[in-house]
Every structure is written in structure tokens, then in C-alpha cells.
Amino acid sequence: MTAYSDDTSPPVLAPDGVTIRLPLRGRTEDGIHYRGYEELQPGEDGYDELLPLARANAAEPDDPPERPVDPETLALILRDSGLDGAGGWSP
């Protein structure tokens, strides 16, 4: 997999007000292109240097979902995927 920074996009301060997102894009060995972010937390290399630029490009807060998650449907999905057991993910 190849990954490289998206030099055309500045770092962005995530809606949590702490995390810095560095835009990435790349291509898998199968030729599938993707876009995403590398996230930096306080204390990581480069965080302090990027923070002023990221603050200038703060992300908008995430919109709340149009409909709340149905707990029964979520439970069925987690059970079917095997994530409801001990050590698995739970809401």
C-alpha cells in the first residue's frame, strides 16, 4: 500500500478541539485509491508546530444523526458480526 500526505490540504483541527488531522491519500496494491487522515495527539512529534495552522482550519462540529441508533438493531448487528461477546466492542 502506498500512502502520501495531501500537500494541497492544510492540517485540520478535529471537532474535539484537540486532535490534528493530516490529510492522506494513497493507493492499495490492488489499485484502489483512498483518502483519509493521520491523526496527531498532544505530545506526538510535530503536534506543537502544526497546532496554530490546524486551529486556523478547524473542522465544523459533526452534525447529529437524523435518527437515533435503534438499540435492538445495533444488538443484532453486533451479535451477527461476533462483536457482542466478551472482549468485543459494546456501545
C-alpha atoms as a PDB file:
ATOM      1  CA  MET A   1       0.000   0.000   0.000  1.00  0.00           C
ATOM      2  CA  THR A   2       1.294   3.441  -0.814  1.00  0.00           C
ATOM      3  CA  ALA A   3       0.383   6.453   1.274  1.00  0.00           C
ATOM      4  CA  TYR A   4       1.425  10.050   0.970  1.00  0.00           C
ATOM      5  CA  SER A   5       0.410  13.315   2.521  1.00  0.00           C
ATOM      6  CA  ASP A   6      -2.032  15.510   0.686  1.00  0.00           C
ATOM      7  CA  ASP A   7       0.197  18.571   0.290  1.00  0.00           C
ATOM      8  CA  THR A   8      -2.669  20.626  -1.129  1.00  0.00           C
ATOM      9  CA  SER A   9      -4.709  20.441   2.092  1.00  0.00           C
ATOM     10  CA  PRO A  10      -3.593  22.008   5.387  1.00  0.00           C
ATOM     11  CA  PRO A  11      -3.823  20.236   8.747  1.00  0.00           C
ATOM     12  CA  VAL A  12      -7.279  20.440  10.310  1.00  0.00           C
ATOM     13  CA  LEU A  13      -8.257  20.686  13.964  1.00  0.00           C
ATOM     14  CA  ALA A  14     -10.834  17.948  14.589  1.00  0.00           C
ATOM     15  CA  PRO A  15     -14.224  18.778  16.156  1.00  0.00           C
ATOM     16  CA  ASP A  16     -12.908  17.583  19.555  1.00  0.00           C
ATOM     17  CA  GLY A  17     -10.652  20.682  19.587  1.00  0.00           C
ATOM     18  CA  VAL A  18      -7.521  18.647  20.368  1.00  0.00           C
ATOM     19  CA  THR A  19      -6.804  16.152  17.594  1.00  0.00           C
ATOM     20  CA  ILE A  20      -4.983  17.356  14.486  1.00  0.00           C
ATOM     21  CA  ARG A  21      -5.918  15.604  11.247  1.00  0.00           C
ATOM     22  CA  LEU A  22      -3.343  15.448   8.457  1.00  0.00           C
ATOM     23  CA  PRO A  23      -4.990  14.616   5.131  1.00  0.00           C
ATOM     24  CA  LEU A  24      -3.600  11.470   3.460  1.00  0.00           C
ATOM     25  CA  ARG A  25      -4.326   9.761   0.222  1.00  0.00           C
ATOM     26  CA  GLY A  26      -2.908   6.707  -1.424  1.00  0.00           C
ATOM     27  CA  ARG A  27      -3.440   3.569  -3.441  1.00  0.00           C
ATOM     28  CA  THR A  28      -3.607  -0.079  -2.387  1.00  0.00           C
ATOM     29  CA  GLU A  29      -1.672  -2.789  -4.196  1.00  0.00           C
ATOM     30  CA  ASP A  30      -4.954  -3.647  -5.958  1.00  0.00           C
ATOM     31  CA  GLY A  31      -5.112  -0.138  -7.422  1.00  0.00           C
ATOM     32  CA  ILE A  32      -7.880   1.163  -5.166  1.00  0.00           C
ATOM     33  CA  HIS A  33      -7.442   4.831  -4.310  1.00  0.00           C
ATOM     34  CA  TYR A  34      -8.340   6.055  -0.841  1.00  0.00           C
ATOM     35  CA  ARG A  35      -8.436   9.271   1.174  1.00  0.00           C
ATOM     36  CA  GLY A  36      -8.184   9.598   4.917  1.00  0.00           C
ATOM     37  CA  TYR A  37      -6.408  11.274   7.796  1.00  0.00           C
ATOM     38  CA  GLU A  38      -3.438  10.690  10.012  1.00  0.00           C
ATOM     39  CA  GLU A  39      -4.309  11.915  13.493  1.00  0.00           C
ATOM     40  CA  LEU A  40      -1.875  13.575  15.876  1.00  0.00           C
ATOM     41  CA  GLN A  41      -2.492  13.886  19.604  1.00  0.00           C
ATOM     42  CA  PRO A  42      -0.800  16.260  22.064  1.00  0.00           C
ATOM     43  CA  GLY A  43       2.751  15.138  22.822  1.00  0.00           C
ATOM     44  CA  GLU A  44       3.343  13.474  19.454  1.00  0.00           C
ATOM     45  CA  ASP A  45       6.122  14.689  17.157  1.00  0.00           C
ATOM     46  CA  GLY A  46       5.089  17.725  15.139  1.00  0.00           C
ATOM     47  CA  TYR A  47       1.903  18.421  17.101  1.00  0.00           C
ATOM     48  CA  ASP A  48       3.024  21.729  18.612  1.00  0.00           C
ATOM     49  CA  GLU A  49       4.308  23.036  15.273  1.00  0.00           C
ATOM     50  CA  LEU A  50       1.085  22.169  13.416  1.00  0.00           C
ATOM     51  CA  LEU A  51      -1.369  23.355  16.078  1.00  0.00           C
ATOM     52  CA  PRO A  52      -1.537  27.053  15.012  1.00  0.00           C
ATOM     53  CA  LEU A  53      -2.183  26.109  11.377  1.00  0.00           C
ATOM     54  CA  ALA A  54      -4.735  23.468  12.374  1.00  0.00           C
ATOM     55  CA  ARG A  55      -6.594  25.960  14.592  1.00  0.00           C
ATOM     56  CA  ALA A  56      -6.916  28.254  11.570  1.00  0.00           C
ATOM     57  CA  ASN A  57      -8.558  25.340   9.724  1.00  0.00           C
ATOM     58  CA  ALA A  58     -10.844  23.991  12.437  1.00  0.00           C
ATOM     59  CA  ALA A  59     -13.384  21.405  11.296  1.00  0.00           C
ATOM     60  CA  GLU A  60     -17.068  22.091  11.721  1.00  0.00           C
ATOM     61  CA  PRO A  61     -18.711  20.094  14.513  1.00  0.00           C
ATOM     62  CA  ASP A  62     -20.260  16.838  13.360  1.00  0.00           C
ATOM     63  CA  ASP A  63     -23.979  17.089  12.703  1.00  0.00           C
ATOM     64  CA  PRO A  64     -26.113  14.946  14.986  1.00  0.00           C
ATOM     65  CA  PRO A  65     -27.615  11.916  13.257  1.00  0.00           C
ATOM     66  CA  GLU A  66     -31.029  12.414  11.702  1.00  0.00           C
ATOM     67  CA  ARG A  67     -32.333   9.403  13.582  1.00  0.00           C
ATOM     68  CA  PRO A  68     -31.021   7.841  16.789  1.00  0.00           C
ATOM     69  CA  VAL A  69     -29.492   4.370  16.699  1.00  0.00           C
ATOM     70  CA  ASP A  70     -32.063   1.673  17.406  1.00  0.00           C
ATOM     71  CA  PRO A  71     -30.608  -0.395  20.283  1.00  0.00           C
ATOM     72  CA  GLU A  72     -32.269  -3.629  19.128  1.00  0.00           C
ATOM     73  CA  THR A  73     -30.910  -3.294  15.595  1.00  0.00           C
ATOM     74  CA  LEU A  74     -27.446  -2.472  16.923  1.00  0.00           C
ATOM     75  CA  ALA A  75     -27.553  -5.517  19.204  1.00  0.00           C
ATOM     76  CA  LEU A  76     -28.498  -7.762  16.260  1.00  0.00           C
ATOM     77  CA  ILE A  77     -25.687  -6.374  14.110  1.00  0.00           C
ATOM     78  CA  LEU A  78     -23.132  -6.816  16.880  1.00  0.00           C
ATOM     79  CA  ARG A  79     -24.328 -10.352  17.588  1.00  0.00           C
ATOM     80  CA  ASP A  80     -24.234 -11.334  13.908  1.00  0.00           C
ATOM     81  CA  SER A  81     -20.740  -9.900  13.485  1.00  0.00           C
ATOM     82  CA  GLY A  82     -19.451 -11.633  16.630  1.00  0.00           C
ATOM     83  CA  LEU A  83     -18.643  -8.368  18.417  1.00  0.00           C
ATOM     84  CA  ASP A  84     -21.039  -8.797  21.319  1.00  0.00           C
ATOM     85  CA  GLY A  85     -19.025 -11.405  23.205  1.00  0.00           C
ATOM     86  CA  ALA A  86     -16.502 -10.956  25.996  1.00  0.00           C
ATOM     87  CA  GLY A  87     -13.702  -8.658  24.909  1.00  0.00           C
ATOM     88  CA  GLY A  88     -15.703  -7.369  21.955  1.00  0.00           C
ATOM     89  CA  TRP A  89     -16.988  -3.922  21.242  1.00  0.00           C
ATOM     90  CA  SER A  90     -20.037  -2.628  23.063  1.00  0.00           C
ATOM     91  CA  PRO A  91     -21.841   0.716  22.875  1.00  0.00           C
END
